[in-house]
Amino acid sequence: MSRALQPSEELVELDAEALRTWSGRVLDALGRERREIDAINVYPVADGDTGTNLYLTAEAAHQAVEAVFAAAEPDAAETVRAMAHGALLGARGNSGTILAQLLRGMAAVLAEGRDGDHLARALAEAADAARRAVAHPVEGTILTVASAAAEACAGGGRLVDVAGNAYDGARTALATTTAQLDVLTRAGVVDAGGQGLVTVLGALVETVTGRAPLRPETPAHGVVAPAAPLAPEDCGTEDGPAYEVIYLLEAEDAAVDLLRSRLDALGESLVVVGGDGLWNVHVHVDDAGAAVEAGIEAGRPHRIRVTHFASSPAGPDARGARAQRAVVAVVPGEGLAGLCAEAGATTVRTRPGEQPAGDELLDAIRRAHAREVVLLPNDTELRQTAAAAAERARAEGIRVALIPTRAAVQGIAALAVHEPDRRFDEDVVAMTAAAGATRYAELAVAERQSFTSAGVCQAGDVLGLIEGDVAVIGEDLTETARTVLDRMLSAGGELVTLIVADDTPPDLATALERHVRRGYLAVDTTTYHAGAGAPPLLIGVE
């Protein structure tokens, strides 16, 4: 664990532990202040999520740092690179993407040295890198605050002085942002992204001095919303692009240069950060499909996120109203449909050998009567259909998050951690993490002779599929299930979920529960009945 400085102590250099402490304090500070930052978010789009996006970006950065510490004892260069790489992978929104580039710019210098002079150079490189990443830099934003922080400590010096000067320079610049952008002037607030960067630098000051800096006297720490509701034109969002598109992209530098030109012509608020073959792309457009297609032509996009702005609050005054949220889940069997419905989900039943059509999924999203919907397809083959249905729903003003669950047990795991009172992005992150932590298997009976990844099977053989691939071929349902369970639990696990169909032998679940209790003392077991129309057995291991 990192050691907290005493108020009388000062750091001379940012070592690995100090960088770890900084990343943790950034996360804690943004967690405390994100609602205040959300409340003053009116530029470039008044969607009230800048604080949350910065927090989620910082969370990804800190998790990456903790991961390298869990694996070994990293040096400072490895730690700061992990912090920057984690932010790149997890960057959210316009300001989160810029924060990722700021950290990447700092990492390039701090990997070489971490005293005061190197920190000053790192902040200068960070500010320059962030401006290069933005297609059309605008003053009065996080870019202005970053440049002011770098200029305030340009002379270098002791680490504590450089950090303090950068923080003071950022605070001063933040206070001036209100007058630099008309939308901020009308709202009577400072720039939300700039406020977030001041918070990040404040965490750095506390790390190197052991003392928390004074909170800046800005609208973010006083009046956090305009005195009267803002009209769309006052927020700068009238006739703006309909969608925010974000994705990670594996591509060569030359292809990214062309991509920037294409996306710049398609929309606005374009930020492309990264390098060395991996990029994070952020843009606001009316044609989300064209933005994704441009990424496909440039390389391999993944982790694609599309948000329809119409489903976001109209301005900072709207933060008090919590939108209704629903979960739509595709499930096999009447029993699972009832289970998910009891948990508050709108369900779509699958039929043996037949997947639901896109219109069925879209109808379910509409039936949910919610402004925010989490969609759980629970089948790998259904993902494209689900993505198309989600896109059509977004065009109707519904904010839809598609969690790529590949089996019903992953959907149940996601639904188990669903909290409708939690912020939408937080809920989606928690549900995605729960689904991703659940390995899945299925038992089926072969209908004909065929070649599989486990060898040749005959009609009537019991097939044990793990993560979609045939791993075990057996003759007895119970014995095959035991073998599949043992293989899955060999990689560890805390909870086994068994989902049995109506036509499954009634003693199968009992036999498997007994098997787990005898061989895996720390593993719990839960059994659900899927009813008719489901596979004989579904297994989940969390």
Protein backbone atom coordinates (compact mmCIF):
# COMPACT_ATOMS: atom_id res chain seq x y z
CA MET A 1 0.00 0.00 0.00
CA SER A 2 1.12 3.58 -0.63
CA ARG A 3 2.31 5.67 2.34
CA ALA A 4 0.67 9.02 3.10
CA LEU A 5 3.04 11.94 3.60
CA GLN A 6 3.02 13.85 6.84
CA PRO A 7 2.22 17.56 6.40
CA SER A 8 5.83 18.46 7.15
CA GLU A 9 7.20 16.14 4.47
CA GLU A 10 7.82 16.99 0.82
CA LEU A 11 8.63 14.76 -2.10
CA VAL A 12 11.72 15.42 -4.15
CA GLU A 13 10.79 13.02 -6.93
CA LEU A 14 7.67 11.17 -8.06
CA ASP A 15 8.55 7.51 -7.49
CA ALA A 16 6.26 4.59 -8.29
CA GLU A 17 4.45 4.76 -4.95
CA ALA A 18 3.87 8.49 -5.31
CA LEU A 19 2.42 8.04 -8.78
CA ARG A 20 0.18 5.29 -7.44
CA THR A 21 -0.94 7.60 -4.63
CA TRP A 22 -1.63 10.39 -7.12
CA SER A 23 -3.79 8.18 -9.32
CA GLY A 24 -5.78 7.08 -6.27
CA ARG A 25 -6.24 10.63 -5.03
CA VAL A 26 -7.36 11.78 -8.46
CA LEU A 27 -10.03 9.08 -8.44
CA ASP A 28 -11.15 9.97 -4.91
CA ALA A 29 -11.25 13.70 -5.62
CA LEU A 30 -13.21 13.33 -8.86
CA GLY A 31 -15.56 10.96 -7.07
CA ARG A 32 -16.29 13.67 -4.49
CA GLU A 33 -16.65 16.48 -7.01
CA ARG A 34 -18.14 14.83 -10.08
CA ARG A 35 -21.72 15.88 -9.32
CA GLU A 36 -20.62 19.50 -8.96
CA ILE A 37 -18.71 19.22 -12.23
CA ASP A 38 -21.65 17.54 -13.94
CA ALA A 39 -23.87 20.40 -12.79
CA ILE A 40 -21.83 23.08 -14.60
CA ASN A 41 -21.38 21.10 -17.83
CA VAL A 42 -22.79 23.32 -20.60
CA TYR A 43 -20.01 23.09 -23.21
CA PRO A 44 -19.53 21.65 -25.83
CA VAL A 45 -22.87 19.89 -25.12
CA ALA A 46 -25.01 20.50 -22.05
CA ASP A 47 -25.41 16.81 -21.29
CA GLY A 48 -24.34 17.07 -17.66
CA ASP A 49 -21.83 14.21 -17.60
CA THR A 50 -18.34 15.77 -17.71
CA GLY A 51 -17.65 14.96 -14.05
CA THR A 52 -18.78 11.39 -14.52
CA ASN A 53 -16.73 10.97 -17.70
CA LEU A 54 -13.61 12.30 -15.98
CA TYR A 55 -14.23 10.01 -13.02
CA LEU A 56 -14.63 6.91 -15.20
CA THR A 57 -11.48 7.82 -17.13
CA ALA A 58 -9.55 8.25 -13.87
CA GLU A 59 -10.98 4.97 -12.61
CA ALA A 60 -9.62 3.14 -15.66
CA ALA A 61 -6.22 4.79 -15.13
CA HIS A 62 -6.07 3.84 -11.47
CA GLN A 63 -7.17 0.27 -12.14
CA ALA A 64 -4.31 -0.06 -14.64
CA VAL A 65 -1.86 1.19 -12.01
CA GLU A 66 -3.19 -1.23 -9.42
CA ALA A 67 -2.91 -4.05 -11.95
CA VAL A 68 0.82 -3.51 -12.49
CA PHE A 69 1.38 -3.33 -8.74
CA ALA A 70 -0.55 -6.57 -8.28
CA ALA A 71 1.64 -8.32 -10.86
CA ALA A 72 5.03 -7.09 -9.64
CA GLU A 73 6.83 -4.12 -8.10
CA PRO A 74 6.90 -1.69 -11.03
CA ASP A 75 9.31 1.17 -11.37
CA ALA A 76 8.08 4.72 -11.83
CA ALA A 77 8.29 4.61 -15.63
CA GLU A 78 6.11 1.49 -15.79
CA THR A 79 3.64 3.04 -13.35
CA VAL A 80 3.14 6.30 -15.24
CA ARG A 81 2.86 4.45 -18.55
CA ALA A 82 0.20 2.16 -17.04
CA MET A 83 -1.70 5.19 -15.78
CA ALA A 84 -1.70 6.80 -19.23
CA HIS A 85 -2.55 3.56 -21.03
CA GLY A 86 -5.42 2.80 -18.68
CA ALA A 87 -6.85 6.27 -19.25
CA LEU A 88 -6.56 5.80 -23.01
CA LEU A 89 -8.48 2.52 -22.89
CA GLY A 90 -11.17 3.84 -20.57
CA ALA A 91 -11.53 7.45 -21.76
CA ARG A 92 -15.12 8.71 -21.69
CA GLY A 93 -16.56 11.81 -23.30
CA ASN A 94 -14.81 14.88 -24.65
CA SER A 95 -13.03 15.90 -21.44
CA GLY A 96 -12.14 12.34 -20.47
CA THR A 97 -10.52 11.80 -23.85
CA ILE A 98 -8.51 15.01 -23.45
CA LEU A 99 -7.49 13.97 -19.92
CA ALA A 100 -6.20 10.69 -21.36
CA GLN A 101 -4.03 12.63 -23.82
CA LEU A 102 -2.77 14.93 -21.06
CA LEU A 103 -1.66 11.89 -19.06
CA ARG A 104 -0.08 10.36 -22.15
CA GLY A 105 1.86 13.55 -22.79
CA MET A 106 3.07 13.64 -19.19
CA ALA A 107 4.05 9.97 -19.27
CA ALA A 108 6.39 10.53 -22.22
CA VAL A 109 8.50 12.89 -20.09
CA LEU A 110 8.02 11.40 -16.61
CA ALA A 111 9.25 8.04 -17.86
CA GLU A 112 12.66 9.74 -18.21
CA GLY A 113 12.70 11.60 -14.89
CA ARG A 114 10.35 12.73 -12.18
CA ASP A 115 11.87 15.71 -10.37
CA GLY A 116 10.51 19.26 -10.56
CA ASP A 117 12.16 20.11 -13.86
CA HIS A 118 10.80 16.96 -15.50
CA LEU A 119 7.32 17.64 -14.11
CA ALA A 120 7.38 21.13 -15.63
CA ARG A 121 8.40 19.68 -18.98
CA ALA A 122 5.76 16.97 -18.64
CA LEU A 123 2.99 19.50 -18.09
CA ALA A 124 4.15 21.49 -21.12
CA GLU A 125 4.20 18.37 -23.30
CA ALA A 126 0.79 17.39 -21.97
CA ALA A 127 -0.75 20.74 -22.88
CA ASP A 128 0.77 20.65 -26.37
CA ALA A 129 -0.30 17.05 -26.94
CA ALA A 130 -3.88 17.82 -25.90
CA ARG A 131 -4.10 20.74 -28.32
CA ARG A 132 -2.73 18.62 -31.15
CA ALA A 133 -5.38 15.97 -30.44
CA VAL A 134 -8.29 18.40 -30.75
CA ALA A 135 -9.31 19.24 -34.31
CA HIS A 136 -10.39 22.81 -33.48
CA PRO A 137 -9.03 23.99 -30.10
CA VAL A 138 -11.26 26.48 -28.30
CA GLU A 139 -10.13 28.86 -25.55
CA GLY A 140 -12.04 28.88 -22.29
CA THR A 141 -11.88 25.11 -22.00
CA ILE A 142 -9.74 22.44 -20.37
CA LEU A 143 -7.09 23.22 -23.01
CA THR A 144 -6.78 26.79 -21.70
CA VAL A 145 -6.42 25.54 -18.14
CA ALA A 146 -3.78 22.98 -19.17
CA SER A 147 -1.73 25.60 -21.02
CA ALA A 148 -1.91 28.00 -18.08
CA ALA A 149 -0.76 25.29 -15.68
CA ALA A 150 2.25 24.56 -17.89
CA GLU A 151 3.14 28.24 -18.30
CA ALA A 152 2.92 28.87 -14.55
CA CYS A 153 5.67 26.34 -13.80
CA ALA A 154 7.75 26.74 -16.94
CA GLY A 155 10.84 27.70 -14.97
CA GLY A 156 11.03 24.32 -13.25
CA GLY A 157 12.48 24.09 -9.75
CA ARG A 158 11.63 21.96 -6.75
CA LEU A 159 8.91 19.38 -7.26
CA VAL A 160 6.63 20.96 -4.65
CA ASP A 161 7.02 24.40 -6.21
CA VAL A 162 6.32 23.15 -9.72
CA ALA A 163 3.20 21.29 -8.59
CA GLY A 164 1.97 24.27 -6.57
CA ASN A 165 2.63 26.77 -9.35
CA ALA A 166 0.86 24.58 -11.89
CA TYR A 167 -2.15 24.29 -9.61
CA ASP A 168 -2.29 28.03 -8.95
CA GLY A 169 -1.94 28.79 -12.66
CA ALA A 170 -4.74 26.38 -13.46
CA ARG A 171 -7.00 27.91 -10.78
CA THR A 172 -6.43 31.40 -12.13
CA ALA A 173 -7.10 30.33 -15.70
CA LEU A 174 -10.23 28.43 -14.67
CA ALA A 175 -11.75 31.58 -13.17
CA THR A 176 -11.32 33.41 -16.49
CA THR A 177 -13.06 30.74 -18.59
CA THR A 178 -16.49 32.16 -17.69
CA ALA A 179 -15.70 35.29 -19.73
CA GLN A 180 -14.01 33.44 -22.60
CA LEU A 181 -17.02 31.48 -23.87
CA ASP A 182 -20.45 33.03 -24.31
CA VAL A 183 -22.20 29.85 -23.22
CA LEU A 184 -20.29 29.89 -19.92
CA THR A 185 -21.04 33.59 -19.45
CA ARG A 186 -24.76 33.04 -19.95
CA ALA A 187 -24.75 30.10 -17.54
CA GLY A 188 -22.57 31.89 -14.99
CA VAL A 189 -20.22 28.92 -14.58
CA VAL A 190 -16.62 27.99 -15.30
CA ASP A 191 -15.68 25.28 -17.80
CA ALA A 192 -16.49 21.84 -16.40
CA GLY A 193 -13.52 20.12 -18.03
CA GLY A 194 -11.18 22.82 -16.73
CA GLN A 195 -12.61 22.36 -13.26
CA GLY A 196 -11.86 18.66 -13.52
CA LEU A 197 -8.24 19.34 -14.46
CA VAL A 198 -7.86 21.66 -11.45
CA THR A 199 -9.08 18.76 -9.31
CA VAL A 200 -6.48 16.45 -10.90
CA LEU A 201 -3.68 18.96 -10.22
CA GLY A 202 -4.94 19.50 -6.68
CA ALA A 203 -4.52 15.77 -6.06
CA LEU A 204 -0.95 16.08 -7.35
CA VAL A 205 -0.22 18.92 -4.90
CA GLU A 206 -1.56 16.84 -2.02
CA THR A 207 0.59 13.91 -3.13
CA VAL A 208 3.87 15.84 -3.17
CA THR A 209 3.24 18.04 -0.10
CA GLY A 210 1.01 15.92 2.11
CA ARG A 211 -1.42 18.85 2.32
CA ALA A 212 -4.67 19.30 0.44
CA PRO A 213 -4.71 22.60 -1.47
CA LEU A 214 -7.40 25.22 -1.00
CA ARG A 215 -10.49 24.61 -3.08
CA PRO A 216 -10.82 27.29 -5.76
CA GLU A 217 -13.51 29.93 -5.29
CA THR A 218 -15.39 29.23 -8.52
CA PRO A 219 -19.02 28.58 -9.43
CA ALA A 220 -18.22 24.88 -9.18
CA HIS A 221 -17.85 25.28 -5.42
CA GLY A 222 -20.61 27.79 -4.93
CA VAL A 223 -23.57 28.28 -7.20
CA VAL A 224 -23.43 25.19 -9.39
CA ALA A 225 -26.35 25.96 -11.66
CA PRO A 226 -27.75 29.02 -13.44
CA ALA A 227 -30.31 31.07 -11.57
CA ALA A 228 -32.90 30.32 -14.27
CA PRO A 229 -33.32 27.42 -16.71
CA LEU A 230 -31.27 27.83 -19.87
CA ALA A 231 -32.86 27.69 -23.27
CA PRO A 232 -31.21 25.33 -25.78
CA GLU A 233 -29.63 28.24 -27.61
CA ASP A 234 -28.11 29.47 -24.33
CA CYS A 235 -26.48 26.08 -23.80
CA GLY A 236 -24.98 26.10 -27.25
CA THR A 237 -26.75 22.85 -28.17
CA GLU A 238 -29.46 24.06 -30.57
CA ASP A 239 -29.16 22.31 -33.94
CA GLY A 240 -26.03 20.51 -32.73
CA PRO A 241 -25.07 16.96 -33.72
CA ALA A 242 -27.39 14.22 -32.52
CA TYR A 243 -24.82 11.60 -31.44
CA GLU A 244 -21.61 11.22 -29.50
CA VAL A 245 -19.47 8.43 -30.97
CA ILE A 246 -16.46 6.99 -29.13
CA TYR A 247 -14.34 3.96 -29.99
CA LEU A 248 -10.91 2.48 -29.58
CA LEU A 249 -9.08 2.05 -32.87
CA GLU A 250 -6.14 -0.11 -33.88
CA ALA A 251 -4.62 1.68 -36.88
CA GLU A 252 -1.43 3.06 -38.43
CA ASP A 253 -0.54 6.75 -38.10
CA ALA A 254 -1.16 7.49 -41.78
CA ALA A 255 -4.63 5.96 -41.63
CA VAL A 256 -5.46 8.04 -38.54
CA ASP A 257 -4.46 11.26 -40.32
CA LEU A 258 -7.00 10.45 -43.04
CA LEU A 259 -9.57 9.47 -40.42
CA ARG A 260 -9.24 12.86 -38.73
CA SER A 261 -10.03 14.60 -42.02
CA ARG A 262 -13.07 12.41 -42.64
CA LEU A 263 -14.50 12.78 -39.14
CA ASP A 264 -13.82 16.53 -39.11
CA ALA A 265 -16.01 16.82 -42.20
CA LEU A 266 -18.73 14.69 -40.60
CA GLY A 267 -19.12 16.47 -37.27
CA GLU A 268 -17.54 18.49 -34.49
CA SER A 269 -15.84 18.18 -31.08
CA LEU A 270 -13.36 15.82 -32.71
CA VAL A 271 -10.63 14.48 -30.43
CA VAL A 272 -8.27 11.68 -31.48
CA VAL A 273 -5.73 10.64 -28.85
CA GLY A 274 -3.16 7.88 -28.56
CA GLY A 275 -0.38 6.55 -30.73
CA ASP A 276 1.78 3.50 -31.33
CA GLY A 277 -1.06 1.77 -33.13
CA LEU A 278 -3.82 2.34 -30.53
CA TRP A 279 -6.12 5.37 -30.55
CA ASN A 280 -9.20 6.65 -28.78
CA VAL A 281 -11.60 8.46 -31.12
CA HIS A 282 -14.30 10.90 -29.97
CA VAL A 283 -16.64 12.92 -32.21
CA HIS A 284 -20.12 14.46 -32.23
CA VAL A 285 -22.03 13.68 -35.45
CA ASP A 286 -25.49 13.34 -36.94
CA ASP A 287 -24.55 10.15 -38.81
CA ALA A 288 -23.20 7.73 -36.20
CA GLY A 289 -22.94 4.93 -38.75
CA ALA A 290 -20.70 6.99 -41.01
CA ALA A 291 -18.38 7.78 -38.06
CA VAL A 292 -18.03 4.09 -37.26
CA GLU A 293 -17.57 3.18 -40.93
CA ALA A 294 -14.74 5.71 -41.15
CA GLY A 295 -13.05 3.89 -38.28
CA ILE A 296 -13.50 0.53 -40.01
CA GLU A 297 -11.79 1.90 -43.13
CA ALA A 298 -8.92 3.23 -41.02
CA GLY A 299 -8.31 0.06 -38.99
CA ARG A 300 -10.10 -2.08 -36.40
CA PRO A 301 -12.51 -0.19 -34.13
CA HIS A 302 -13.82 -1.81 -30.95
CA ARG A 303 -15.50 -0.78 -27.67
CA ILE A 304 -17.81 1.35 -29.80
CA ARG A 305 -20.15 3.61 -27.79
CA VAL A 306 -22.89 5.71 -29.37
CA THR A 307 -24.95 8.11 -27.24
CA HIS A 308 -27.99 10.03 -28.48
CA PHE A 309 -27.89 13.55 -27.05
CA ALA A 310 -31.67 13.87 -27.15
CA SER A 311 -31.84 11.52 -24.16
CA SER A 312 -29.49 13.69 -22.10
CA PRO A 313 -30.64 16.48 -19.77
CA ALA A 314 -31.09 19.83 -21.50
CA GLY A 315 -28.83 21.72 -19.16
CA PRO A 316 -27.36 21.94 -15.68
CA ASP A 317 -30.77 22.70 -14.20
CA ALA A 318 -32.00 19.30 -15.33
CA ARG A 319 -29.61 17.31 -13.15
CA GLY A 320 -32.16 17.02 -10.35
CA ALA A 321 -34.61 14.98 -12.43
CA ARG A 322 -33.63 11.32 -12.60
CA ALA A 323 -34.63 9.62 -15.84
CA GLN A 324 -36.57 6.36 -15.74
CA ARG A 325 -34.42 3.35 -16.58
CA ALA A 326 -35.23 -0.18 -17.71
CA VAL A 327 -33.47 -3.41 -18.62
CA VAL A 328 -34.45 -5.45 -21.67
CA ALA A 329 -33.24 -9.07 -21.57
CA VAL A 330 -33.45 -11.86 -24.14
CA VAL A 331 -34.01 -15.17 -22.35
CA PRO A 332 -34.73 -18.83 -23.17
CA GLY A 333 -37.58 -20.45 -21.28
CA GLU A 334 -40.62 -19.24 -19.38
CA GLY A 335 -38.97 -19.66 -15.98
CA LEU A 336 -36.10 -17.32 -16.77
CA ALA A 337 -38.50 -14.82 -18.28
CA GLY A 338 -40.44 -14.79 -15.03
CA LEU A 339 -37.24 -14.52 -12.96
CA CYS A 340 -35.99 -11.53 -14.99
CA ALA A 341 -39.42 -9.91 -14.94
CA GLU A 342 -39.45 -10.15 -11.13
CA ALA A 343 -36.13 -8.31 -11.16
CA GLY A 344 -37.78 -5.53 -13.16
CA ALA A 345 -36.63 -6.45 -16.68
CA THR A 346 -38.66 -6.40 -19.87
CA THR A 347 -38.06 -9.79 -21.48
CA VAL A 348 -37.95 -11.18 -25.00
CA ARG A 349 -38.39 -14.96 -25.25
CA THR A 350 -36.30 -16.99 -27.64
CA ARG A 351 -37.83 -19.99 -29.38
CA PRO A 352 -35.94 -23.26 -30.00
CA GLY A 353 -33.88 -22.82 -33.17
CA GLU A 354 -35.19 -19.31 -33.78
CA GLN A 355 -33.70 -15.97 -32.73
CA PRO A 356 -35.87 -12.90 -32.13
CA ALA A 357 -35.88 -10.37 -34.97
CA GLY A 358 -34.65 -6.82 -34.65
CA ASP A 359 -38.23 -5.53 -34.67
CA GLU A 360 -38.99 -7.66 -31.61
CA LEU A 361 -36.06 -6.18 -29.72
CA LEU A 362 -36.99 -2.65 -30.76
CA ASP A 363 -40.57 -3.26 -29.66
CA ALA A 364 -39.33 -4.48 -26.27
CA ILE A 365 -37.22 -1.34 -25.86
CA ARG A 366 -40.28 0.77 -26.65
CA ARG A 367 -42.46 -1.30 -24.28
CA ALA A 368 -40.04 -0.59 -21.47
CA HIS A 369 -41.26 3.07 -21.57
CA ALA A 370 -37.91 4.36 -20.33
CA ARG A 371 -35.57 7.15 -21.37
CA GLU A 372 -32.60 4.91 -20.52
CA VAL A 373 -32.45 1.23 -21.45
CA VAL A 374 -29.82 -1.43 -20.83
CA LEU A 375 -30.09 -4.18 -23.46
CA LEU A 376 -28.89 -7.72 -22.66
CA PRO A 377 -28.91 -9.95 -25.80
CA ASN A 378 -27.55 -12.99 -23.90
CA ASP A 379 -26.43 -14.68 -27.12
CA THR A 380 -23.33 -14.15 -29.26
CA GLU A 381 -25.25 -14.64 -32.50
CA LEU A 382 -27.78 -12.01 -31.50
CA ARG A 383 -25.31 -9.21 -30.95
CA GLN A 384 -25.52 -7.63 -34.43
CA THR A 385 -29.31 -7.74 -34.39
CA ALA A 386 -29.32 -6.18 -30.92
CA ALA A 387 -26.88 -3.46 -32.02
CA ALA A 388 -29.14 -2.55 -34.94
CA ALA A 389 -32.20 -2.42 -32.69
CA ALA A 390 -30.33 -0.24 -30.20
CA GLU A 391 -29.31 2.14 -32.97
CA ARG A 392 -32.91 2.48 -34.15
CA ALA A 393 -34.06 3.15 -30.59
CA ARG A 394 -31.40 5.85 -30.17
CA ALA A 395 -32.74 7.55 -33.28
CA GLU A 396 -36.07 7.77 -31.42
CA GLY A 397 -34.44 9.58 -28.50
CA ILE A 398 -33.93 6.61 -26.18
CA ARG A 399 -30.53 6.28 -24.53
CA VAL A 400 -29.57 2.63 -25.01
CA ALA A 401 -26.51 0.81 -23.70
CA LEU A 402 -25.86 -2.59 -25.24
CA ILE A 403 -23.97 -4.95 -22.92
CA PRO A 404 -22.62 -7.81 -25.10
CA THR A 405 -23.77 -10.67 -22.86
CA ARG A 406 -23.21 -14.01 -24.61
CA ALA A 407 -25.33 -16.30 -22.41
CA ALA A 408 -28.32 -16.11 -20.09
CA VAL A 409 -26.11 -16.64 -17.02
CA GLN A 410 -24.15 -13.50 -17.90
CA GLY A 411 -27.41 -11.60 -18.23
CA ILE A 412 -28.53 -12.81 -14.80
CA ALA A 413 -25.19 -11.73 -13.30
CA ALA A 414 -25.59 -8.28 -14.86
CA LEU A 415 -29.20 -7.97 -13.70
CA ALA A 416 -28.18 -8.94 -10.17
CA VAL A 417 -26.04 -5.79 -9.78
CA HIS A 418 -28.45 -3.48 -11.63
CA GLU A 419 -29.36 -0.42 -9.54
CA PRO A 420 -31.87 1.91 -11.25
CA ASP A 421 -31.11 4.72 -8.79
CA ARG A 422 -27.44 4.72 -9.75
CA ARG A 423 -26.18 7.02 -12.51
CA PHE A 424 -26.62 5.45 -15.95
CA ASP A 425 -22.92 5.14 -16.84
CA GLU A 426 -22.08 3.72 -13.42
CA ASP A 427 -24.88 1.18 -13.71
CA VAL A 428 -23.76 0.08 -17.17
CA VAL A 429 -20.13 -0.24 -16.01
CA ALA A 430 -21.14 -2.36 -13.00
CA MET A 431 -23.44 -4.59 -15.08
CA THR A 432 -20.79 -5.01 -17.78
CA ALA A 433 -18.17 -5.94 -15.21
CA ALA A 434 -20.47 -8.53 -13.61
CA ALA A 435 -21.29 -10.09 -16.97
CA GLY A 436 -17.64 -10.12 -18.04
CA ALA A 437 -16.62 -11.85 -14.81
CA THR A 438 -19.03 -14.73 -15.50
CA ARG A 439 -17.75 -17.67 -17.52
CA TYR A 440 -20.49 -19.73 -19.12
CA ALA A 441 -21.16 -23.23 -20.40
CA GLU A 442 -24.07 -25.16 -21.87
CA LEU A 443 -25.04 -28.80 -22.20
CA ALA A 444 -26.75 -29.95 -25.38
CA VAL A 445 -27.60 -33.23 -27.07
CA ALA A 446 -26.11 -33.83 -30.54
CA GLU A 447 -28.75 -34.30 -33.24
CA ARG A 448 -26.40 -35.88 -35.78
CA GLN A 449 -22.84 -37.04 -36.30
CA SER A 450 -20.50 -34.10 -36.72
CA PHE A 451 -16.95 -32.87 -36.22
CA THR A 452 -16.35 -30.65 -33.17
CA SER A 453 -13.40 -28.99 -31.49
CA ALA A 454 -13.37 -31.94 -29.04
CA GLY A 455 -13.56 -34.63 -31.73
CA VAL A 456 -16.29 -36.49 -33.61
CA CYS A 457 -19.66 -36.76 -31.88
CA GLN A 458 -22.50 -39.13 -32.66
CA ALA A 459 -26.24 -38.45 -32.60
CA GLY A 460 -27.41 -38.62 -29.00
CA ASP A 461 -24.04 -37.72 -27.46
CA VAL A 462 -24.04 -35.12 -24.68
CA LEU A 463 -22.00 -32.05 -25.65
CA GLY A 464 -20.44 -29.77 -23.07
CA LEU A 465 -19.82 -26.34 -24.59
CA ILE A 466 -17.60 -23.89 -22.71
CA GLU A 467 -17.67 -20.28 -23.94
CA GLY A 468 -19.42 -21.51 -27.10
CA ASP A 469 -16.94 -24.25 -28.08
CA VAL A 470 -17.45 -28.00 -27.60
CA ALA A 471 -15.03 -28.99 -24.84
CA VAL A 472 -16.46 -32.32 -23.66
CA ILE A 473 -18.26 -35.17 -25.44
CA GLY A 474 -19.98 -37.67 -23.14
CA GLU A 475 -22.76 -40.22 -22.91
CA ASP A 476 -24.32 -39.25 -19.58
CA LEU A 477 -25.74 -35.80 -18.82
CA THR A 478 -24.66 -35.73 -15.17
CA GLU A 479 -21.12 -37.02 -15.75
CA THR A 480 -20.59 -34.62 -18.64
CA ALA A 481 -21.87 -31.74 -16.51
CA ARG A 482 -19.45 -32.68 -13.69
CA THR A 483 -16.53 -32.69 -16.15
CA VAL A 484 -17.53 -29.30 -17.53
CA LEU A 485 -17.87 -27.86 -14.02
CA ASP A 486 -14.46 -29.17 -12.96
CA ARG A 487 -12.82 -27.61 -16.01
CA MET A 488 -14.46 -24.26 -15.35
CA LEU A 489 -13.67 -24.24 -11.62
CA SER A 490 -10.03 -25.17 -12.27
CA ALA A 491 -9.58 -21.48 -13.16
CA GLY A 492 -11.21 -20.40 -9.88
CA GLY A 493 -14.67 -19.18 -8.98
CA GLU A 494 -16.86 -18.03 -6.12
CA LEU A 495 -20.39 -18.72 -7.35
CA VAL A 496 -21.82 -21.40 -9.64
CA THR A 497 -25.18 -20.70 -11.28
CA LEU A 498 -27.15 -23.66 -12.67
CA ILE A 499 -30.12 -23.11 -14.97
CA VAL A 500 -32.09 -26.27 -15.73
CA ALA A 501 -34.92 -26.81 -18.23
CA ASP A 502 -38.22 -28.60 -17.64
CA ASP A 503 -37.10 -31.74 -19.46
CA THR A 504 -33.80 -32.00 -17.58
CA PRO A 505 -33.64 -34.94 -15.10
CA PRO A 506 -34.84 -33.54 -11.75
CA ASP A 507 -31.85 -34.90 -9.79
CA LEU A 508 -29.20 -33.29 -12.04
CA ALA A 509 -29.05 -29.96 -10.20
CA THR A 510 -28.95 -31.71 -6.80
CA ALA A 511 -26.09 -33.96 -7.92
CA LEU A 512 -24.10 -30.99 -9.22
CA GLU A 513 -24.70 -28.94 -6.06
CA ARG A 514 -23.41 -31.88 -4.01
CA HIS A 515 -20.39 -32.21 -6.29
CA VAL A 516 -19.49 -28.55 -5.80
CA ARG A 517 -19.91 -28.70 -2.02
CA ARG A 518 -17.61 -31.73 -1.76
CA GLY A 519 -14.86 -30.55 -4.06
CA TYR A 520 -14.92 -26.75 -3.78
CA LEU A 521 -15.53 -25.65 -0.21
CA ALA A 522 -15.44 -21.89 -0.90
CA VAL A 523 -17.83 -21.98 -3.86
CA ASP A 524 -21.56 -21.29 -3.50
CA THR A 525 -24.22 -22.71 -5.85
CA THR A 526 -27.52 -21.21 -7.02
CA THR A 527 -30.09 -23.04 -9.16
CA TYR A 528 -32.82 -21.55 -11.35
CA HIS A 529 -35.47 -23.28 -13.44
CA ALA A 530 -35.68 -22.06 -17.01
CA GLY A 531 -38.93 -23.80 -17.83
CA ALA A 532 -39.81 -25.08 -21.28
CA GLY A 533 -37.86 -24.15 -24.39
CA ALA A 534 -34.41 -23.80 -22.79
CA PRO A 535 -31.24 -25.91 -23.20
CA PRO A 536 -30.99 -28.88 -20.77
CA LEU A 537 -28.41 -27.07 -18.61
CA LEU A 538 -26.74 -23.66 -18.51
CA ILE A 539 -23.77 -23.11 -16.18
CA GLY A 540 -22.27 -19.85 -15.02
CA VAL A 541 -19.13 -19.40 -12.89
CA GLU A 542 -18.44 -16.01 -11.33
